[in-house]
């Protein structure tokens, strides 16, 4: 589990080298941003071609999210 977290942080740091504002956030800042948007239980944060993906809960329902390069949080179907 710890190796997975280290790997995820390494991906985010590597991508932060100049791509976009969302990639410049630390994992903790990204989770805080998602929580501020009304989501809870944020987990499984990973980098994808679409942006940063995560799983969370909103209004008691599990959702999959993508935070795009402009920092917009979108629910993925």
C-alpha atoms as a PDB file:
ATOM      1  CA  UNK A   1       0.000   0.000   0.000  1.00  0.00           C
ATOM      2  CA  UNK A   2       2.793   2.427   0.890  1.00  0.00           C
ATOM      3  CA  UNK A   3       4.610   1.639  -2.375  1.00  0.00           C
ATOM      4  CA  UNK A   4       1.438   2.455  -4.316  1.00  0.00           C
ATOM      5  CA  UNK A   5       1.140   5.850  -2.611  1.00  0.00           C
ATOM      6  CA  UNK A   6       4.802   6.612  -3.267  1.00  0.00           C
ATOM      7  CA  UNK A   7       4.339   5.621  -6.912  1.00  0.00           C
ATOM      8  CA  UNK A   8       1.274   7.872  -7.272  1.00  0.00           C
ATOM      9  CA  UNK A   9       3.092  10.821  -5.725  1.00  0.00           C
ATOM     10  CA  UNK A  10       6.077  10.188  -8.012  1.00  0.00           C
ATOM     11  CA  UNK A  11       3.802  10.294 -11.068  1.00  0.00           C
ATOM     12  CA  UNK A  12       2.207  13.539  -9.937  1.00  0.00           C
ATOM     13  CA  UNK A  13       5.587  15.127  -9.176  1.00  0.00           C
ATOM     14  CA  UNK A  14       6.969  13.991 -12.535  1.00  0.00           C
ATOM     15  CA  UNK A  15       4.006  15.443 -14.374  1.00  0.00           C
ATOM     16  CA  UNK A  16       4.229  18.660 -12.364  1.00  0.00           C
ATOM     17  CA  UNK A  17       7.436  19.489 -14.188  1.00  0.00           C
ATOM     18  CA  UNK A  18       5.515  21.831 -16.437  1.00  0.00           C
ATOM     19  CA  UNK A  19       2.282  20.424 -17.764  1.00  0.00           C
ATOM     20  CA  UNK A  20      -0.555  22.259 -16.070  1.00  0.00           C
ATOM     21  CA  UNK A  21      -1.883  23.769 -12.826  1.00  0.00           C
ATOM     22  CA  UNK A  22      -3.654  20.581 -11.701  1.00  0.00           C
ATOM     23  CA  UNK A  23      -0.413  18.624 -11.950  1.00  0.00           C
ATOM     24  CA  UNK A  24       1.340  21.236  -9.826  1.00  0.00           C
ATOM     25  CA  UNK A  25      -0.824  20.331  -6.820  1.00  0.00           C
ATOM     26  CA  UNK A  26       0.407  17.841  -4.262  1.00  0.00           C
ATOM     27  CA  UNK A  27      -1.762  14.793  -3.712  1.00  0.00           C
ATOM     28  CA  UNK A  28      -2.914  16.257  -0.384  1.00  0.00           C
ATOM     29  CA  UNK A  29      -3.872  19.575  -2.058  1.00  0.00           C
ATOM     30  CA  UNK A  30      -5.726  17.720  -4.801  1.00  0.00           C
ATOM     31  CA  UNK A  31      -7.679  15.677  -2.256  1.00  0.00           C
ATOM     32  CA  UNK A  32      -8.492  18.873  -0.326  1.00  0.00           C
ATOM     33  CA  UNK A  33      -9.774  20.475  -3.565  1.00  0.00           C
ATOM     34  CA  UNK A  34     -11.998  17.454  -4.255  1.00  0.00           C
ATOM     35  CA  UNK A  35     -13.296  17.462  -0.664  1.00  0.00           C
ATOM     36  CA  UNK A  36     -14.010  21.204  -0.876  1.00  0.00           C
ATOM     37  CA  UNK A  37     -16.225  20.411  -3.873  1.00  0.00           C
ATOM     38  CA  UNK A  38     -18.406  18.210  -1.659  1.00  0.00           C
ATOM     39  CA  UNK A  39     -16.837  14.793  -2.102  1.00  0.00           C
ATOM     40  CA  UNK A  40     -15.654  12.512   0.711  1.00  0.00           C
ATOM     41  CA  UNK A  41     -13.677   9.283   1.091  1.00  0.00           C
ATOM     42  CA  UNK A  42     -11.308  10.256  -1.739  1.00  0.00           C
ATOM     43  CA  UNK A  43      -9.039   7.343  -2.722  1.00  0.00           C
ATOM     44  CA  UNK A  44      -7.267   5.643  -5.627  1.00  0.00           C
ATOM     45  CA  UNK A  45      -5.765   8.881  -6.958  1.00  0.00           C
ATOM     46  CA  UNK A  46      -3.971   8.145 -10.239  1.00  0.00           C
ATOM     47  CA  UNK A  47      -2.722   9.975 -13.297  1.00  0.00           C
ATOM     48  CA  UNK A  48      -4.495   9.258 -16.589  1.00  0.00           C
ATOM     49  CA  UNK A  49      -4.504  10.680 -20.107  1.00  0.00           C
ATOM     50  CA  UNK A  50      -7.580  12.724 -19.143  1.00  0.00           C
ATOM     51  CA  UNK A  51      -6.026  14.194 -15.981  1.00  0.00           C
ATOM     52  CA  UNK A  52      -5.982  12.967 -12.408  1.00  0.00           C
ATOM     53  CA  UNK A  53      -8.575  10.284 -11.656  1.00  0.00           C
ATOM     54  CA  UNK A  54      -9.930   9.434  -8.211  1.00  0.00           C
ATOM     55  CA  UNK A  55     -12.744   7.550  -6.555  1.00  0.00           C
ATOM     56  CA  UNK A  56     -14.905   9.302  -3.980  1.00  0.00           C
ATOM     57  CA  UNK A  57     -18.368   9.461  -2.437  1.00  0.00           C
ATOM     58  CA  UNK A  58     -20.938  12.230  -2.935  1.00  0.00           C
ATOM     59  CA  UNK A  59     -24.415  12.213  -1.429  1.00  0.00           C
ATOM     60  CA  UNK A  60     -23.795   8.654  -0.239  1.00  0.00           C
ATOM     61  CA  UNK A  61     -23.052   7.370  -3.737  1.00  0.00           C
ATOM     62  CA  UNK A  62     -19.647   6.213  -5.040  1.00  0.00           C
ATOM     63  CA  UNK A  63     -18.357   8.219  -8.009  1.00  0.00           C
ATOM     64  CA  UNK A  64     -15.299   8.237 -10.236  1.00  0.00           C
ATOM     65  CA  UNK A  65     -13.821  11.679 -10.812  1.00  0.00           C
ATOM     66  CA  UNK A  66     -11.388  13.252 -13.226  1.00  0.00           C
ATOM     67  CA  UNK A  67      -9.656  16.536 -12.452  1.00  0.00           C
ATOM     68  CA  UNK A  68      -8.707  17.937 -15.847  1.00  0.00           C
ATOM     69  CA  UNK A  69      -5.727  20.107 -16.751  1.00  0.00           C
ATOM     70  CA  UNK A  70      -7.658  23.296 -15.954  1.00  0.00           C
ATOM     71  CA  UNK A  71      -8.519  22.007 -12.465  1.00  0.00           C
ATOM     72  CA  UNK A  72     -12.171  21.245 -13.225  1.00  0.00           C
ATOM     73  CA  UNK A  73     -13.628  18.289 -11.327  1.00  0.00           C
ATOM     74  CA  UNK A  74     -15.839  16.104 -13.491  1.00  0.00           C
ATOM     75  CA  UNK A  75     -17.716  12.933 -12.664  1.00  0.00           C
ATOM     76  CA  UNK A  76     -16.937  10.116 -15.069  1.00  0.00           C
ATOM     77  CA  UNK A  77     -19.673   7.682 -16.052  1.00  0.00           C
END
